[in-house]
Amino acid sequence: MKKVNVLSVMFSNMTLSETTNYLSNVLDEKGKEPFHIITANPEIVMQMNRDESFKKIEKKSGLITADGIGIIYGAKILGRKINERVTGVELLVELLKLCDRKHHSIYLLGADEDTNKELYEYVQLTYPNIKVTGRHNGYFDVKNDGEIVKDINDKKPDLLIMAMGSPRSHKWFDSRRLELQIKLTMDVGGGFDALTGKVKRAPMIVQKLNLEWAYRRLQNPSRAERQKDLYRFAGEVIKERFRSTKKYS
């Protein structure tokens, strides 16, 4: 698998279709350690690069996709190319279609109770061949999570879909990596909200203009502090580009 380095984070260069096919093979395999996907935008890259424990998790992950146009532009500025954005929501939809075609099972872990239940009902209605083996909201004490781990293992889902945000989902999974009897896991951030309609995605014209980040900012002004990492990311990319230009001049 070809990878592209953006600020020391190694991104997959597969398209959405290629990624789905790759993960289809992962789901068909047996007896391996859980495969961990991270869908990373500029905010998550900055989290990784200032949090040593998260950085170690990133290095162990099976696949990191470019969830955010900033990653595509950042790679381009650095003289590299990532072929296509692969967002968490888009990948989630493709994985659900895949699981429906191949009769794989899933477990839903995350969001609030109402949203979690709504997604459970949505999946059952929309993807009748998927067995939703279990579900639990994301509001639990990670230090007292034994019952949740037991429930997941008892129900043996192929795919564990998390929605507890970054880095919480990734750190929780890593702490239980050797215990969880699953094949594949990913965190989809606000994906549960998007699929249930609780939070609407930007209109298609806004998506095509790569301005979803601005749309989300207008929808949720509380994101302003988090989105400062967009500017920090841009600054770090420019500094790295300047250093590489100076080195080879």
C-alpha atoms as a PDB file:
ATOM      1  CA  MET A   1       0.000   0.000   0.000  1.00  0.00           C
ATOM      2  CA  LYS A   2       1.506   3.332  -1.074  1.00  0.00           C
ATOM      3  CA  LYS A   3       1.587   5.933   1.690  1.00  0.00           C
ATOM      4  CA  VAL A   4       2.058   9.707   1.711  1.00  0.00           C
ATOM      5  CA  ASN A   5       3.804  11.535   4.549  1.00  0.00           C
ATOM      6  CA  VAL A   6       2.045  14.674   5.781  1.00  0.00           C
ATOM      7  CA  LEU A   7       3.644  16.138   8.916  1.00  0.00           C
ATOM      8  CA  SER A   8       4.965  12.683   9.930  1.00  0.00           C
ATOM      9  CA  VAL A   9       1.559  11.020   9.572  1.00  0.00           C
ATOM     10  CA  MET A  10       1.498   8.292   6.912  1.00  0.00           C
ATOM     11  CA  PHE A  11      -1.693   8.556   4.868  1.00  0.00           C
ATOM     12  CA  SER A  12      -3.096   5.925   2.551  1.00  0.00           C
ATOM     13  CA  ASN A  13      -3.166   6.976  -1.083  1.00  0.00           C
ATOM     14  CA  MET A  14      -6.075   4.677  -1.996  1.00  0.00           C
ATOM     15  CA  THR A  15      -9.355   6.024  -3.336  1.00  0.00           C
ATOM     16  CA  LEU A  16     -12.636   5.358  -1.526  1.00  0.00           C
ATOM     17  CA  SER A  17     -13.361   2.424  -3.836  1.00  0.00           C
ATOM     18  CA  GLU A  18      -9.873   0.971  -3.377  1.00  0.00           C
ATOM     19  CA  THR A  19     -10.093   1.424   0.387  1.00  0.00           C
ATOM     20  CA  THR A  20     -13.438  -0.394   0.518  1.00  0.00           C
ATOM     21  CA  ASN A  21     -12.051  -3.298  -1.501  1.00  0.00           C
ATOM     22  CA  TYR A  22      -8.983  -3.468   0.728  1.00  0.00           C
ATOM     23  CA  LEU A  23     -11.128  -3.558   3.874  1.00  0.00           C
ATOM     24  CA  SER A  24     -13.364  -6.200   2.326  1.00  0.00           C
ATOM     25  CA  ASN A  25     -10.318  -8.486   2.309  1.00  0.00           C
ATOM     26  CA  VAL A  26      -9.556  -7.559   5.921  1.00  0.00           C
ATOM     27  CA  LEU A  27     -13.084  -8.576   6.950  1.00  0.00           C
ATOM     28  CA  ASP A  28     -12.699 -11.896   5.165  1.00  0.00           C
ATOM     29  CA  GLU A  29      -9.544 -12.788   7.110  1.00  0.00           C
ATOM     30  CA  LYS A  30      -9.642 -14.782  10.321  1.00  0.00           C
ATOM     31  CA  GLY A  31      -7.591 -14.986  13.483  1.00  0.00           C
ATOM     32  CA  LYS A  32      -5.715 -11.693  13.246  1.00  0.00           C
ATOM     33  CA  GLU A  33      -5.395  -8.749  15.626  1.00  0.00           C
ATOM     34  CA  PRO A  34      -8.126  -6.116  15.078  1.00  0.00           C
ATOM     35  CA  PHE A  35      -7.445  -3.799  12.144  1.00  0.00           C
ATOM     36  CA  HIS A  36      -7.641  -0.150  13.212  1.00  0.00           C
ATOM     37  CA  ILE A  37      -8.652   2.640  10.811  1.00  0.00           C
ATOM     38  CA  ILE A  38      -8.110   6.322  11.589  1.00  0.00           C
ATOM     39  CA  THR A  39      -9.809   8.918   9.390  1.00  0.00           C
ATOM     40  CA  ALA A  40      -7.635  11.973  10.022  1.00  0.00           C
ATOM     41  CA  ASN A  41      -8.256  15.623   9.268  1.00  0.00           C
ATOM     42  CA  PRO A  42      -5.832  18.487  10.076  1.00  0.00           C
ATOM     43  CA  GLU A  43      -7.140  18.711  13.663  1.00  0.00           C
ATOM     44  CA  ILE A  44      -6.386  15.038  14.265  1.00  0.00           C
ATOM     45  CA  VAL A  45      -2.909  15.347  12.701  1.00  0.00           C
ATOM     46  CA  MET A  46      -2.148  18.124  15.167  1.00  0.00           C
ATOM     47  CA  GLN A  47      -3.521  15.988  18.048  1.00  0.00           C
ATOM     48  CA  MET A  48      -1.187  13.173  17.043  1.00  0.00           C
ATOM     49  CA  ASN A  49       1.862  15.395  16.810  1.00  0.00           C
ATOM     50  CA  ARG A  50       1.464  16.892  20.259  1.00  0.00           C
ATOM     51  CA  ASP A  51       0.235  13.764  22.095  1.00  0.00           C
ATOM     52  CA  GLU A  52       2.909  11.095  22.348  1.00  0.00           C
ATOM     53  CA  SER A  53       0.493   8.344  23.375  1.00  0.00           C
ATOM     54  CA  PHE A  54      -1.764   9.103  20.388  1.00  0.00           C
ATOM     55  CA  LYS A  55       1.291   9.165  18.115  1.00  0.00           C
ATOM     56  CA  LYS A  56       2.153   5.620  19.195  1.00  0.00           C
ATOM     57  CA  ILE A  57      -1.408   4.512  18.400  1.00  0.00           C
ATOM     58  CA  GLU A  58      -1.151   6.139  14.979  1.00  0.00           C
ATOM     59  CA  LYS A  59       2.002   4.135  14.249  1.00  0.00           C
ATOM     60  CA  LYS A  60       0.184   0.890  15.108  1.00  0.00           C
ATOM     61  CA  SER A  61      -2.914   1.633  13.028  1.00  0.00           C
ATOM     62  CA  GLY A  62      -3.615  -0.375   9.892  1.00  0.00           C
ATOM     63  CA  LEU A  63      -4.831   2.500   7.746  1.00  0.00           C
ATOM     64  CA  ILE A  64      -5.048   6.299   7.937  1.00  0.00           C
ATOM     65  CA  THR A  65      -7.277   8.056   5.419  1.00  0.00           C
ATOM     66  CA  ALA A  66      -7.376  11.718   4.423  1.00  0.00           C
ATOM     67  CA  ASP A  67     -10.564  12.996   6.029  1.00  0.00           C
ATOM     68  CA  GLY A  68     -10.340  16.677   5.203  1.00  0.00           C
ATOM     69  CA  ILE A  69      -9.440  18.768   2.185  1.00  0.00           C
ATOM     70  CA  GLY A  70      -6.686  20.342   4.266  1.00  0.00           C
ATOM     71  CA  ILE A  71      -4.769  17.061   4.136  1.00  0.00           C
ATOM     72  CA  ILE A  72      -5.011  16.987   0.324  1.00  0.00           C
ATOM     73  CA  TYR A  73      -3.814  20.585   0.047  1.00  0.00           C
ATOM     74  CA  GLY A  74      -1.121  20.037   2.671  1.00  0.00           C
ATOM     75  CA  ALA A  75       0.292  17.108   0.709  1.00  0.00           C
ATOM     76  CA  LYS A  76       0.229  19.173  -2.479  1.00  0.00           C
ATOM     77  CA  ILE A  77       2.131  22.047  -0.863  1.00  0.00           C
ATOM     78  CA  LEU A  78       4.740  19.535   0.277  1.00  0.00           C
ATOM     79  CA  GLY A  79       5.135  18.310  -3.299  1.00  0.00           C
ATOM     80  CA  ARG A  80       3.213  15.079  -2.707  1.00  0.00           C
ATOM     81  CA  LYS A  81      -0.119  13.793  -3.916  1.00  0.00           C
ATOM     82  CA  ILE A  82      -3.039  12.088  -2.211  1.00  0.00           C
ATOM     83  CA  ASN A  83      -5.458  10.963  -4.893  1.00  0.00           C
ATOM     84  CA  GLU A  84      -8.756  11.400  -3.051  1.00  0.00           C
ATOM     85  CA  ARG A  85     -10.378  12.355   0.223  1.00  0.00           C
ATOM     86  CA  VAL A  86     -11.759   9.377   2.113  1.00  0.00           C
ATOM     87  CA  THR A  87     -13.969  10.815   4.822  1.00  0.00           C
ATOM     88  CA  GLY A  88     -15.279   8.952   7.830  1.00  0.00           C
ATOM     89  CA  VAL A  89     -18.923   9.357   6.816  1.00  0.00           C
ATOM     90  CA  GLU A  90     -18.338   8.241   3.229  1.00  0.00           C
ATOM     91  CA  LEU A  91     -16.269   5.254   4.340  1.00  0.00           C
ATOM     92  CA  LEU A  92     -18.909   4.324   6.926  1.00  0.00           C
ATOM     93  CA  VAL A  93     -21.608   4.267   4.237  1.00  0.00           C
ATOM     94  CA  GLU A  94     -19.457   2.115   1.947  1.00  0.00           C
ATOM     95  CA  LEU A  95     -18.650  -0.290   4.782  1.00  0.00           C
ATOM     96  CA  LEU A  96     -22.330  -0.615   5.647  1.00  0.00           C
ATOM     97  CA  LYS A  97     -23.091  -1.439   2.005  1.00  0.00           C
ATOM     98  CA  LEU A  98     -20.250  -3.958   2.031  1.00  0.00           C
ATOM     99  CA  CYS A  99     -21.460  -5.562   5.257  1.00  0.00           C
ATOM    100  CA  ASP A 100     -24.964  -5.770   3.818  1.00  0.00           C
ATOM    101  CA  ARG A 101     -23.725  -7.512   0.655  1.00  0.00           C
ATOM    102  CA  LYS A 102     -21.513  -9.963   2.519  1.00  0.00           C
ATOM    103  CA  HIS A 103     -23.694 -10.472   5.611  1.00  0.00           C
ATOM    104  CA  HIS A 104     -21.102  -9.165   8.065  1.00  0.00           C
ATOM    105  CA  SER A 105     -22.092  -8.187  11.606  1.00  0.00           C
ATOM    106  CA  ILE A 106     -21.521  -4.873  13.396  1.00  0.00           C
ATOM    107  CA  TYR A 107     -21.605  -3.336  16.873  1.00  0.00           C
ATOM    108  CA  LEU A 108     -22.431   0.355  17.423  1.00  0.00           C
ATOM    109  CA  LEU A 109     -20.501   2.112  20.181  1.00  0.00           C
ATOM    110  CA  GLY A 110     -20.834   5.830  20.669  1.00  0.00           C
ATOM    111  CA  ALA A 111     -22.912   9.020  20.537  1.00  0.00           C
ATOM    112  CA  ASP A 112     -25.740   9.672  22.994  1.00  0.00           C
ATOM    113  CA  GLU A 113     -28.376   7.031  23.750  1.00  0.00           C
ATOM    114  CA  ASP A 114     -31.074   8.453  21.470  1.00  0.00           C
ATOM    115  CA  THR A 115     -28.734   8.859  18.490  1.00  0.00           C
ATOM    116  CA  ASN A 116     -27.230   5.411  19.019  1.00  0.00           C
ATOM    117  CA  LYS A 117     -30.694   3.845  19.085  1.00  0.00           C
ATOM    118  CA  GLU A 118     -31.779   5.814  16.003  1.00  0.00           C
ATOM    119  CA  LEU A 119     -28.755   4.589  14.060  1.00  0.00           C
ATOM    120  CA  TYR A 120     -29.446   1.016  15.175  1.00  0.00           C
ATOM    121  CA  GLU A 121     -32.968   1.315  13.765  1.00  0.00           C
ATOM    122  CA  TYR A 122     -31.711   3.044  10.604  1.00  0.00           C
ATOM    123  CA  VAL A 123     -29.202   0.273   9.876  1.00  0.00           C
ATOM    124  CA  GLN A 124     -31.803  -2.456  10.438  1.00  0.00           C
ATOM    125  CA  LEU A 125     -34.205  -0.737   8.050  1.00  0.00           C
ATOM    126  CA  THR A 126     -31.702   0.272   5.368  1.00  0.00           C
ATOM    127  CA  TYR A 127     -29.336  -2.694   5.420  1.00  0.00           C
ATOM    128  CA  PRO A 128     -31.466  -5.764   6.228  1.00  0.00           C
ATOM    129  CA  ASN A 129     -28.628  -8.257   5.705  1.00  0.00           C
ATOM    130  CA  ILE A 130     -26.458  -6.700   8.411  1.00  0.00           C
ATOM    131  CA  LYS A 131     -26.719  -8.260  11.840  1.00  0.00           C
ATOM    132  CA  VAL A 132     -26.367  -5.521  14.457  1.00  0.00           C
ATOM    133  CA  THR A 133     -25.146  -7.716  17.280  1.00  0.00           C
ATOM    134  CA  GLY A 134     -25.261  -4.984  19.912  1.00  0.00           C
ATOM    135  CA  ARG A 135     -24.984  -1.336  20.729  1.00  0.00           C
ATOM    136  CA  HIS A 136     -24.001   1.020  23.545  1.00  0.00           C
ATOM    137  CA  ASN A 137     -23.859   4.797  23.831  1.00  0.00           C
ATOM    138  CA  GLY A 138     -20.507   6.525  24.204  1.00  0.00           C
ATOM    139  CA  TYR A 139     -21.115   7.828  27.709  1.00  0.00           C
ATOM    140  CA  PHE A 140     -19.241   5.374  29.877  1.00  0.00           C
ATOM    141  CA  ASP A 141     -16.265   5.442  32.214  1.00  0.00           C
ATOM    142  CA  VAL A 142     -13.331   3.990  30.303  1.00  0.00           C
ATOM    143  CA  LYS A 143     -11.854   2.837  33.614  1.00  0.00           C
ATOM    144  CA  ASN A 144     -14.928   0.708  34.277  1.00  0.00           C
ATOM    145  CA  ASP A 145     -15.632  -0.656  30.828  1.00  0.00           C
ATOM    146  CA  GLY A 146     -15.437  -4.386  31.538  1.00  0.00           C
ATOM    147  CA  GLU A 147     -19.126  -5.011  30.855  1.00  0.00           C
ATOM    148  CA  ILE A 148     -18.907  -3.270  27.476  1.00  0.00           C
ATOM    149  CA  VAL A 149     -15.839  -5.264  26.429  1.00  0.00           C
ATOM    150  CA  LYS A 150     -17.575  -8.466  27.554  1.00  0.00           C
ATOM    151  CA  ASP A 151     -20.728  -7.573  25.637  1.00  0.00           C
ATOM    152  CA  ILE A 152     -18.760  -6.913  22.444  1.00  0.00           C
ATOM    153  CA  ASN A 153     -16.807 -10.154  22.777  1.00  0.00           C
ATOM    154  CA  ASP A 154     -19.896 -12.197  23.612  1.00  0.00           C
ATOM    155  CA  LYS A 155     -21.589 -10.919  20.465  1.00  0.00           C
ATOM    156  CA  LYS A 156     -18.512 -11.247  18.226  1.00  0.00           C
ATOM    157  CA  PRO A 157     -19.155  -8.516  15.634  1.00  0.00           C
ATOM    158  CA  ASP A 158     -16.967  -8.347  12.543  1.00  0.00           C
ATOM    159  CA  LEU A 159     -16.922  -4.550  12.609  1.00  0.00           C
ATOM    160  CA  LEU A 160     -16.911  -2.265  15.655  1.00  0.00           C
ATOM    161  CA  ILE A 161     -18.100   1.220  14.680  1.00  0.00           C
ATOM    162  CA  MET A 162     -17.161   3.855  17.242  1.00  0.00           C
ATOM    163  CA  ALA A 163     -18.380   7.441  17.554  1.00  0.00           C
ATOM    164  CA  MET A 164     -16.739   8.873  20.645  1.00  0.00           C
ATOM    165  CA  GLY A 165     -14.520  11.445  18.995  1.00  0.00           C
ATOM    166  CA  SER A 166     -10.773  11.733  18.649  1.00  0.00           C
ATOM    167  CA  PRO A 167      -8.576  10.833  20.398  1.00  0.00           C
ATOM    168  CA  ARG A 168     -10.960   9.198  22.926  1.00  0.00           C
ATOM    169  CA  SER A 169     -12.153   6.396  20.622  1.00  0.00           C
ATOM    170  CA  HIS A 170      -8.657   5.556  19.450  1.00  0.00           C
ATOM    171  CA  LYS A 171      -7.177   5.555  22.945  1.00  0.00           C
ATOM    172  CA  TRP A 172     -10.012   3.432  24.314  1.00  0.00           C
ATOM    173  CA  PHE A 173      -9.646   0.896  21.513  1.00  0.00           C
ATOM    174  CA  ASP A 174      -5.881   0.749  21.966  1.00  0.00           C
ATOM    175  CA  SER A 175      -6.259   0.061  25.678  1.00  0.00           C
ATOM    176  CA  ARG A 176      -8.420  -2.981  24.804  1.00  0.00           C
ATOM    177  CA  ARG A 177      -6.775  -3.919  21.506  1.00  0.00           C
ATOM    178  CA  LEU A 178      -5.569  -7.347  22.667  1.00  0.00           C
ATOM    179  CA  GLU A 179      -8.891  -8.245  24.309  1.00  0.00           C
ATOM    180  CA  LEU A 180     -11.448  -7.228  21.695  1.00  0.00           C
ATOM    181  CA  GLN A 181     -12.557 -10.092  19.476  1.00  0.00           C
ATOM    182  CA  ILE A 182     -13.324  -8.101  16.342  1.00  0.00           C
ATOM    183  CA  LYS A 183     -11.861  -7.889  12.850  1.00  0.00           C
ATOM    184  CA  LEU A 184     -12.067  -4.202  12.109  1.00  0.00           C
ATOM    185  CA  THR A 185     -12.762  -0.931  13.910  1.00  0.00           C
ATOM    186  CA  MET A 186     -12.975   2.762  13.096  1.00  0.00           C
ATOM    187  CA  ASP A 187     -14.209   5.957  14.700  1.00  0.00           C
ATOM    188  CA  VAL A 188     -16.601   7.995  12.579  1.00  0.00           C
ATOM    189  CA  GLY A 189     -16.760  11.150  14.695  1.00  0.00           C
ATOM    190  CA  GLY A 190     -20.125  12.726  13.940  1.00  0.00           C
ATOM    191  CA  GLY A 191     -21.071   9.943  11.527  1.00  0.00           C
ATOM    192  CA  PHE A 192     -23.898   8.676  13.737  1.00  0.00           C
ATOM    193  CA  ASP A 193     -25.378  12.184  13.782  1.00  0.00           C
ATOM    194  CA  ALA A 194     -24.996  12.508   9.994  1.00  0.00           C
ATOM    195  CA  LEU A 195     -26.691   9.219   9.109  1.00  0.00           C
ATOM    196  CA  THR A 196     -29.587   9.766  11.503  1.00  0.00           C
ATOM    197  CA  GLY A 197     -30.110  13.317  10.230  1.00  0.00           C
ATOM    198  CA  LYS A 198     -29.382  14.893  13.605  1.00  0.00           C
ATOM    199  CA  VAL A 199     -26.683  16.970  11.927  1.00  0.00           C
ATOM    200  CA  LYS A 200     -27.022  17.681   8.238  1.00  0.00           C
ATOM    201  CA  ARG A 201     -24.027  17.505   5.914  1.00  0.00           C
ATOM    202  CA  ALA A 202     -23.198  20.592   3.923  1.00  0.00           C
ATOM    203  CA  PRO A 203     -25.096  21.061   0.637  1.00  0.00           C
ATOM    204  CA  MET A 204     -23.398  19.355  -2.322  1.00  0.00           C
ATOM    205  CA  ILE A 205     -22.217  22.669  -3.785  1.00  0.00           C
ATOM    206  CA  VAL A 206     -20.445  23.440  -0.501  1.00  0.00           C
ATOM    207  CA  GLN A 207     -18.872  19.961  -0.488  1.00  0.00           C
ATOM    208  CA  LYS A 208     -17.646  20.404  -4.067  1.00  0.00           C
ATOM    209  CA  LEU A 209     -16.100  23.757  -3.133  1.00  0.00           C
ATOM    210  CA  ASN A 210     -14.321  22.007  -0.229  1.00  0.00           C
ATOM    211  CA  LEU A 211     -15.879  24.373   2.297  1.00  0.00           C
ATOM    212  CA  GLU A 212     -17.486  21.853   4.643  1.00  0.00           C
ATOM    213  CA  TRP A 213     -15.226  23.038   7.469  1.00  0.00           C
ATOM    214  CA  ALA A 214     -16.713  26.546   7.174  1.00  0.00           C
ATOM    215  CA  TYR A 215     -20.253  25.153   7.020  1.00  0.00           C
ATOM    216  CA  ARG A 216     -19.659  23.144  10.211  1.00  0.00           C
ATOM    217  CA  ARG A 217     -18.233  26.246  11.881  1.00  0.00           C
ATOM    218  CA  LEU A 218     -21.393  28.195  11.088  1.00  0.00           C
ATOM    219  CA  GLN A 219     -23.573  25.319  12.296  1.00  0.00           C
ATOM    220  CA  ASN A 220     -21.617  24.919  15.508  1.00  0.00           C
ATOM    221  CA  PRO A 221     -19.699  28.016  16.672  1.00  0.00           C
ATOM    222  CA  SER A 222     -18.292  26.000  19.607  1.00  0.00           C
ATOM    223  CA  ARG A 223     -15.940  24.365  17.073  1.00  0.00           C
ATOM    224  CA  ALA A 224     -13.998  27.627  16.829  1.00  0.00           C
ATOM    225  CA  GLU A 225     -11.387  26.598  19.392  1.00  0.00           C
ATOM    226  CA  ARG A 226     -10.857  23.181  17.805  1.00  0.00           C
ATOM    227  CA  GLN A 227     -10.604  24.690  14.351  1.00  0.00           C
ATOM    228  CA  LYS A 228      -7.636  26.784  15.395  1.00  0.00           C
ATOM    229  CA  ASP A 229      -5.715  23.615  14.638  1.00  0.00           C
ATOM    230  CA  LEU A 230      -6.527  24.202  10.958  1.00  0.00           C
ATOM    231  CA  TYR A 231      -4.351  27.315  11.057  1.00  0.00           C
ATOM    232  CA  ARG A 232      -1.661  25.555  13.096  1.00  0.00           C
ATOM    233  CA  PHE A 233      -1.647  22.724  10.563  1.00  0.00           C
ATOM    234  CA  ALA A 234      -1.289  25.177   7.669  1.00  0.00           C
ATOM    235  CA  GLY A 235       1.569  26.920   9.460  1.00  0.00           C
ATOM    236  CA  GLU A 236       3.422  23.650  10.064  1.00  0.00           C
ATOM    237  CA  VAL A 237       2.990  22.602   6.421  1.00  0.00           C
ATOM    238  CA  ILE A 238       4.402  25.914   5.192  1.00  0.00           C
ATOM    239  CA  LYS A 239       7.339  25.667   7.603  1.00  0.00           C
ATOM    240  CA  GLU A 240       8.122  22.128   6.444  1.00  0.00           C
ATOM    241  CA  ARG A 241       7.916  23.204   2.811  1.00  0.00           C
ATOM    242  CA  PHE A 242      10.261  26.114   3.522  1.00  0.00           C
ATOM    243  CA  ARG A 243      12.749  23.848   5.318  1.00  0.00           C
ATOM    244  CA  SER A 244      12.796  21.324   2.470  1.00  0.00           C
ATOM    245  CA  THR A 245      13.203  24.088  -0.134  1.00  0.00           C
ATOM    246  CA  LYS A 246      16.070  25.607   1.834  1.00  0.00           C
ATOM    247  CA  LYS A 247      17.708  22.195   2.301  1.00  0.00           C
ATOM    248  CA  TYR A 248      17.848  21.473  -1.417  1.00  0.00           C
ATOM    249  CA  SER A 249      18.549  25.005  -2.660  1.00  0.00           C
END
